């Protein structure tokens, strides 16, 4: 038996690659619950912020 053959016979299989748990991987790739894409959700939030600022500006102007 040669040295190379001895190494092959005693070689352990490589460790399994590290993977994310299925639940964690699914959370990352899931679309948002409404509006279809995350881009649309961000645009909605930005538009809502602009409308809120405008509404408070108009209220402050009316009250002064």
PDB file of N, CA and C in Angstrom:
ATOM      1  N   UNK A   1       0.846  -1.164   0.000  1.00  0.00           N
ATOM      2  CA  UNK A   1       0.000   0.000   0.000  1.00  0.00           C
ATOM      3  C   UNK A   1       0.899   1.237   0.000  1.00  0.00           C
ATOM      4  N   UNK A   2       0.651   2.145  -0.923  1.00  0.00           N
ATOM      5  CA  UNK A   2       1.464   3.350  -1.010  1.00  0.00           C
ATOM      6  C   UNK A   2       0.924   4.398  -0.065  1.00  0.00           C
ATOM      7  N   UNK A   3       1.714   5.416   0.087  1.00  0.00           N
ATOM      8  CA  UNK A   3       1.293   6.500   0.990  1.00  0.00           C
ATOM      9  C   UNK A   3       0.038   7.193   0.472  1.00  0.00           C
ATOM     10  N   UNK A   4      -0.065   7.381  -0.841  1.00  0.00           N
ATOM     11  CA  UNK A   4      -1.237   8.047  -1.425  1.00  0.00           C
ATOM     12  C   UNK A   4      -2.488   7.202  -1.217  1.00  0.00           C
ATOM     13  N   UNK A   5      -2.393   5.901  -1.389  1.00  0.00           N
ATOM     14  CA  UNK A   5      -3.536   5.022  -1.184  1.00  0.00           C
ATOM     15  C   UNK A   5      -3.975   5.058   0.270  1.00  0.00           C
ATOM     16  N   UNK A   6      -3.039   5.112   1.187  1.00  0.00           N
ATOM     17  CA  UNK A   6      -3.375   5.167   2.608  1.00  0.00           C
ATOM     18  C   UNK A   6      -4.145   6.445   2.922  1.00  0.00           C
ATOM     19  N   UNK A   7      -3.744   7.560   2.312  1.00  0.00           N
ATOM     20  CA  UNK A   7      -4.459   8.823   2.547  1.00  0.00           C
ATOM     21  C   UNK A   7      -5.875   8.771   2.002  1.00  0.00           C
ATOM     22  N   UNK A   8      -6.051   8.166   0.854  1.00  0.00           N
ATOM     23  CA  UNK A   8      -7.380   8.092   0.251  1.00  0.00           C
ATOM     24  C   UNK A   8      -8.296   7.227   1.101  1.00  0.00           C
ATOM     25  N   UNK A   9      -7.780   6.114   1.628  1.00  0.00           N
ATOM     26  CA  UNK A   9      -8.605   5.214   2.416  1.00  0.00           C
ATOM     27  C   UNK A   9      -9.022   5.851   3.742  1.00  0.00           C
ATOM     28  N   UNK A  10      -8.218   6.726   4.299  1.00  0.00           N
ATOM     29  CA  UNK A  10      -8.528   7.324   5.591  1.00  0.00           C
ATOM     30  C   UNK A  10      -9.084   8.741   5.464  1.00  0.00           C
ATOM     31  N   UNK A  11      -9.339   9.156   4.259  1.00  0.00           N
ATOM     32  CA  UNK A  11      -9.833  10.514   4.037  1.00  0.00           C
ATOM     33  C   UNK A  11     -11.312  10.600   4.401  1.00  0.00           C
ATOM     34  N   UNK A  12     -11.663  11.602   5.178  1.00  0.00           N
ATOM     35  CA  UNK A  12     -13.061  11.813   5.545  1.00  0.00           C
ATOM     36  C   UNK A  12     -13.718  12.683   4.484  1.00  0.00           C
ATOM     37  N   UNK A  13     -15.012  12.533   4.288  1.00  0.00           N
ATOM     38  CA  UNK A  13     -15.686  13.380   3.295  1.00  0.00           C
ATOM     39  C   UNK A  13     -15.650  14.845   3.746  1.00  0.00           C
ATOM     40  N   UNK A  14     -15.660  15.773   2.794  1.00  0.00           N
ATOM     41  CA  UNK A  14     -15.620  17.182   3.172  1.00  0.00           C
ATOM     42  C   UNK A  14     -16.894  17.568   3.916  1.00  0.00           C
ATOM     43  N   UNK A  15     -16.804  18.552   4.769  1.00  0.00           N
ATOM     44  CA  UNK A  15     -18.010  18.966   5.499  1.00  0.00           C
ATOM     45  C   UNK A  15     -19.041  19.538   4.539  1.00  0.00           C
ATOM     46  N   UNK A  16     -20.282  19.397   4.897  1.00  0.00           N
ATOM     47  CA  UNK A  16     -21.365  19.921   4.067  1.00  0.00           C
ATOM     48  C   UNK A  16     -21.288  21.440   4.054  1.00  0.00           C
ATOM     49  N   UNK A  17     -21.597  22.069   2.922  1.00  0.00           N
ATOM     50  CA  UNK A  17     -21.541  23.528   2.871  1.00  0.00           C
ATOM     51  C   UNK A  17     -22.594  24.144   3.791  1.00  0.00           C
ATOM     52  N   UNK A  18     -22.223  25.257   4.381  1.00  0.00           N
ATOM     53  CA  UNK A  18     -23.146  25.954   5.278  1.00  0.00           C
ATOM     54  C   UNK A  18     -24.257  26.582   4.446  1.00  0.00           C
ATOM     55  N   UNK A  19     -25.478  26.323   4.826  1.00  0.00           N
ATOM     56  CA  UNK A  19     -26.623  26.913   4.138  1.00  0.00           C
ATOM     57  C   UNK A  19     -27.508  27.594   5.151  1.00  0.00           C
ATOM     58  N   UNK A  20     -28.290  28.532   4.657  1.00  0.00           N
ATOM     59  CA  UNK A  20     -29.240  29.193   5.540  1.00  0.00           C
ATOM     60  C   UNK A  20     -30.398  28.244   5.807  1.00  0.00           C
ATOM     61  N   UNK A  21     -31.057  28.460   6.907  1.00  0.00           N
ATOM     62  CA  UNK A  21     -32.230  27.652   7.182  1.00  0.00           C
ATOM     63  C   UNK A  21     -33.313  28.017   6.174  1.00  0.00           C
ATOM     64  N   UNK A  22     -34.149  27.098   5.772  1.00  0.00           N
ATOM     65  CA  UNK A  22     -35.171  27.403   4.767  1.00  0.00           C
ATOM     66  C   UNK A  22     -36.085  28.554   5.168  1.00  0.00           C
ATOM     67  N   UNK A  23     -36.422  28.650   6.456  1.00  0.00           N
ATOM     68  CA  UNK A  23     -37.314  29.730   6.892  1.00  0.00           C
ATOM     69  C   UNK A  23     -36.638  31.087   6.712  1.00  0.00           C
ATOM     70  N   UNK A  24     -35.367  31.184   7.034  1.00  0.00           N
ATOM     71  CA  UNK A  24     -34.637  32.455   6.901  1.00  0.00           C
ATOM     72  C   UNK A  24     -34.487  32.846   5.433  1.00  0.00           C
ATOM     73  N   UNK A  25     -34.172  31.898   4.563  1.00  0.00           N
ATOM     74  CA  UNK A  25     -34.020  32.183   3.145  1.00  0.00           C
ATOM     75  C   UNK A  25     -35.352  32.637   2.555  1.00  0.00           C
ATOM     76  N   UNK A  26     -36.439  32.037   2.988  1.00  0.00           N
ATOM     77  CA  UNK A  26     -37.757  32.419   2.468  1.00  0.00           C
ATOM     78  C   UNK A  26     -38.127  33.828   2.916  1.00  0.00           C
ATOM     79  N   UNK A  27     -37.768  34.226   4.135  1.00  0.00           N
ATOM     80  CA  UNK A  27     -38.085  35.565   4.615  1.00  0.00           C
ATOM     81  C   UNK A  27     -37.399  36.633   3.770  1.00  0.00           C
ATOM     82  N   UNK A  28     -36.187  36.384   3.346  1.00  0.00           N
ATOM     83  CA  UNK A  28     -35.430  37.364   2.578  1.00  0.00           C
ATOM     84  C   UNK A  28     -36.008  37.525   1.184  1.00  0.00           C
ATOM     85  N   UNK A  29     -36.448  36.448   0.567  1.00  0.00           N
ATOM     86  CA  UNK A  29     -36.882  36.477  -0.824  1.00  0.00           C
ATOM     87  C   UNK A  29     -38.374  36.740  -1.000  1.00  0.00           C
ATOM     88  N   UNK A  30     -39.138  36.772   0.058  1.00  0.00           N
ATOM     89  CA  UNK A  30     -40.577  36.980  -0.073  1.00  0.00           C
ATOM     90  C   UNK A  30     -40.889  38.393  -0.531  1.00  0.00           C
ATOM     91  N   UNK A  31     -41.898  38.543  -1.394  1.00  0.00           N
ATOM     92  CA  UNK A  31     -42.336  39.891  -1.772  1.00  0.00           C
ATOM     93  C   UNK A  31     -43.109  40.516  -0.612  1.00  0.00           C
ATOM     94  N   UNK A  32     -43.282  41.827  -0.632  1.00  0.00           N
ATOM     95  CA  UNK A  32     -44.049  42.469   0.445  1.00  0.00           C
ATOM     96  C   UNK A  32     -45.505  42.016   0.405  1.00  0.00           C
ATOM     97  N   UNK A  33     -46.218  42.162   1.506  1.00  0.00           N
ATOM     98  CA  UNK A  33     -47.607  41.684   1.555  1.00  0.00           C
ATOM     99  C   UNK A  33     -48.576  42.510   0.712  1.00  0.00           C
ATOM    100  N   UNK A  34     -48.174  43.684   0.248  1.00  0.00           N
ATOM    101  CA  UNK A  34     -49.034  44.513  -0.601  1.00  0.00           C
ATOM    102  C   UNK A  34     -48.168  45.316  -1.564  1.00  0.00           C
ATOM    103  N   UNK A  35     -48.758  45.809  -2.634  1.00  0.00           N
ATOM    104  CA  UNK A  35     -48.129  46.643  -3.660  1.00  0.00           C
ATOM    105  C   UNK A  35     -47.137  45.901  -4.565  1.00  0.00           C
ATOM    106  N   UNK A  36     -46.943  44.627  -4.390  1.00  0.00           N
ATOM    107  CA  UNK A  36     -46.177  43.825  -5.333  1.00  0.00           C
ATOM    108  C   UNK A  36     -44.667  43.807  -5.187  1.00  0.00           C
ATOM    109  N   UNK A  37     -44.008  44.976  -5.085  1.00  0.00           N
ATOM    110  CA  UNK A  37     -42.548  45.007  -4.965  1.00  0.00           C
ATOM    111  C   UNK A  37     -42.151  45.936  -3.831  1.00  0.00           C
ATOM    112  N   UNK A  38     -40.933  45.735  -3.333  1.00  0.00           N
ATOM    113  CA  UNK A  38     -40.440  46.602  -2.256  1.00  0.00           C
ATOM    114  C   UNK A  38     -40.282  48.026  -2.760  1.00  0.00           C
ATOM    115  N   UNK A  39     -39.951  48.219  -4.032  1.00  0.00           N
ATOM    116  CA  UNK A  39     -39.827  49.566  -4.598  1.00  0.00           C
ATOM    117  C   UNK A  39     -41.145  50.322  -4.452  1.00  0.00           C
ATOM    118  N   UNK A  40     -42.254  49.655  -4.755  1.00  0.00           N
ATOM    119  CA  UNK A  40     -43.564  50.292  -4.625  1.00  0.00           C
ATOM    120  C   UNK A  40     -43.885  50.634  -3.173  1.00  0.00           C
ATOM    121  N   UNK A  41     -43.491  49.779  -2.250  1.00  0.00           N
ATOM    122  CA  UNK A  41     -43.718  50.064  -0.831  1.00  0.00           C
ATOM    123  C   UNK A  41     -42.936  51.313  -0.418  1.00  0.00           C
ATOM    124  N   UNK A  42     -41.664  51.413  -0.849  1.00  0.00           N
ATOM    125  CA  UNK A  42     -40.845  52.580  -0.506  1.00  0.00           C
ATOM    126  C   UNK A  42     -41.419  53.852  -1.114  1.00  0.00           C
ATOM    127  N   UNK A  43     -41.904  53.782  -2.360  1.00  0.00           N
ATOM    128  CA  UNK A  43     -42.529  54.953  -2.990  1.00  0.00           C
ATOM    129  C   UNK A  43     -43.798  55.358  -2.251  1.00  0.00           C
ATOM    130  N   UNK A  44     -44.580  54.390  -1.816  1.00  0.00           N
ATOM    131  CA  UNK A  44     -45.794  54.684  -1.054  1.00  0.00           C
ATOM    132  C   UNK A  44     -45.455  55.390   0.258  1.00  0.00           C
ATOM    133  N   UNK A  45     -44.453  54.899   0.965  1.00  0.00           N
ATOM    134  CA  UNK A  45     -44.058  55.512   2.237  1.00  0.00           C
ATOM    135  C   UNK A  45     -43.546  56.930   2.014  1.00  0.00           C
ATOM    136  N   UNK A  46     -42.757  57.147   0.966  1.00  0.00           N
ATOM    137  CA  UNK A  46     -42.245  58.487   0.669  1.00  0.00           C
ATOM    138  C   UNK A  46     -43.393  59.435   0.316  1.00  0.00           C
ATOM    139  N   UNK A  47     -44.350  58.967  -0.486  1.00  0.00           N
ATOM    140  CA  UNK A  47     -45.502  59.801  -0.855  1.00  0.00           C
ATOM    141  C   UNK A  47     -46.350  60.126   0.373  1.00  0.00           C
ATOM    142  N   UNK A  48     -46.526  59.153   1.241  1.00  0.00           N
ATOM    143  CA  UNK A  48     -47.301  59.386   2.467  1.00  0.00           C
ATOM    144  C   UNK A  48     -46.611  60.420   3.346  1.00  0.00           C
ATOM    145  N   UNK A  49     -45.295  60.388   3.405  1.00  0.00           N
ATOM    146  CA  UNK A  49     -44.546  61.367   4.186  1.00  0.00           C
ATOM    147  C   UNK A  49     -44.731  62.770   3.610  1.00  0.00           C
ATOM    148  N   UNK A  50     -44.644  62.889   2.294  1.00  0.00           N
ATOM    149  CA  UNK A  50     -44.840  64.195   1.654  1.00  0.00           C
ATOM    150  C   UNK A  50     -46.244  64.713   1.932  1.00  0.00           C
ATOM    151  N   UNK A  51     -47.252  63.867   1.817  1.00  0.00           N
ATOM    152  CA  UNK A  51     -48.632  64.287   2.083  1.00  0.00           C
ATOM    153  C   UNK A  51     -48.831  64.687   3.546  1.00  0.00           C
ATOM    154  N   UNK A  52     -48.215  63.988   4.464  1.00  0.00           N
ATOM    155  CA  UNK A  52     -48.328  64.336   5.883  1.00  0.00           C
ATOM    156  C   UNK A  52     -47.693  65.690   6.168  1.00  0.00           C
ATOM    157  N   UNK A  53     -46.507  65.929   5.610  1.00  0.00           N
ATOM    158  CA  UNK A  53     -45.848  67.220   5.803  1.00  0.00           C
ATOM    159  C   UNK A  53     -46.702  68.335   5.202  1.00  0.00           C
ATOM    160  N   UNK A  54     -47.239  68.117   4.012  1.00  0.00           N
ATOM    161  CA  UNK A  54     -48.096  69.120   3.369  1.00  0.00           C
ATOM    162  C   UNK A  54     -49.347  69.390   4.205  1.00  0.00           C
ATOM    163  N   UNK A  55     -49.954  68.339   4.735  1.00  0.00           N
ATOM    164  CA  UNK A  55     -51.158  68.512   5.552  1.00  0.00           C
ATOM    165  C   UNK A  55     -50.850  69.310   6.817  1.00  0.00           C
ATOM    166  N   UNK A  56     -49.751  69.035   7.480  1.00  0.00           N
ATOM    167  CA  UNK A  56     -49.406  69.793   8.686  1.00  0.00           C
ATOM    168  C   UNK A  56     -49.025  71.231   8.349  1.00  0.00           C
ATOM    169  N   UNK A  57     -48.373  71.434   7.203  1.00  0.00           N
ATOM    170  CA  UNK A  57     -48.043  72.796   6.785  1.00  0.00           C
ATOM    171  C   UNK A  57     -49.319  73.600   6.533  1.00  0.00           C
ATOM    172  N   UNK A  58     -50.276  72.995   5.836  1.00  0.00           N
ATOM    173  CA  UNK A  58     -51.555  73.673   5.578  1.00  0.00           C
ATOM    174  C   UNK A  58     -52.302  73.938   6.893  1.00  0.00           C
ATOM    175  N   UNK A  59     -52.301  72.999   7.818  1.00  0.00           N
ATOM    176  CA  UNK A  59     -52.961  73.184   9.107  1.00  0.00           C
ATOM    177  C   UNK A  59     -52.301  74.310   9.889  1.00  0.00           C
ATOM    178  N   UNK A  60     -50.985  74.366   9.891  1.00  0.00           N
ATOM    179  CA  UNK A  60     -50.280  75.435  10.602  1.00  0.00           C
ATOM    180  C   UNK A  60     -50.564  76.785   9.959  1.00  0.00           C
ATOM    181  N   UNK A  61     -50.615  76.820   8.659  1.00  0.00           N
ATOM    182  CA  UNK A  61     -50.909  78.089   7.955  1.00  0.00           C
ATOM    183  C   UNK A  61     -52.342  78.546   8.251  1.00  0.00           C
ATOM    184  N   UNK A  62     -53.281  77.613   8.280  1.00  0.00           N
ATOM    185  CA  UNK A  62     -54.670  77.949   8.568  1.00  0.00           C
ATOM    186  C   UNK A  62     -54.834  78.443  10.015  1.00  0.00           C
ATOM    187  N   UNK A  63     -54.107  77.846  10.945  1.00  0.00           N
ATOM    188  CA  UNK A  63     -54.265  78.159  12.360  1.00  0.00           C
ATOM    189  C   UNK A  63     -53.544  79.455  12.746  1.00  0.00           C
ATOM    190  N   UNK A  64     -52.653  79.946  11.911  1.00  0.00           N
ATOM    191  CA  UNK A  64     -51.905  81.151  12.311  1.00  0.00           C
ATOM    192  C   UNK A  64     -52.585  82.438  11.903  1.00  0.00           C
TER     193      UNK A  64
END
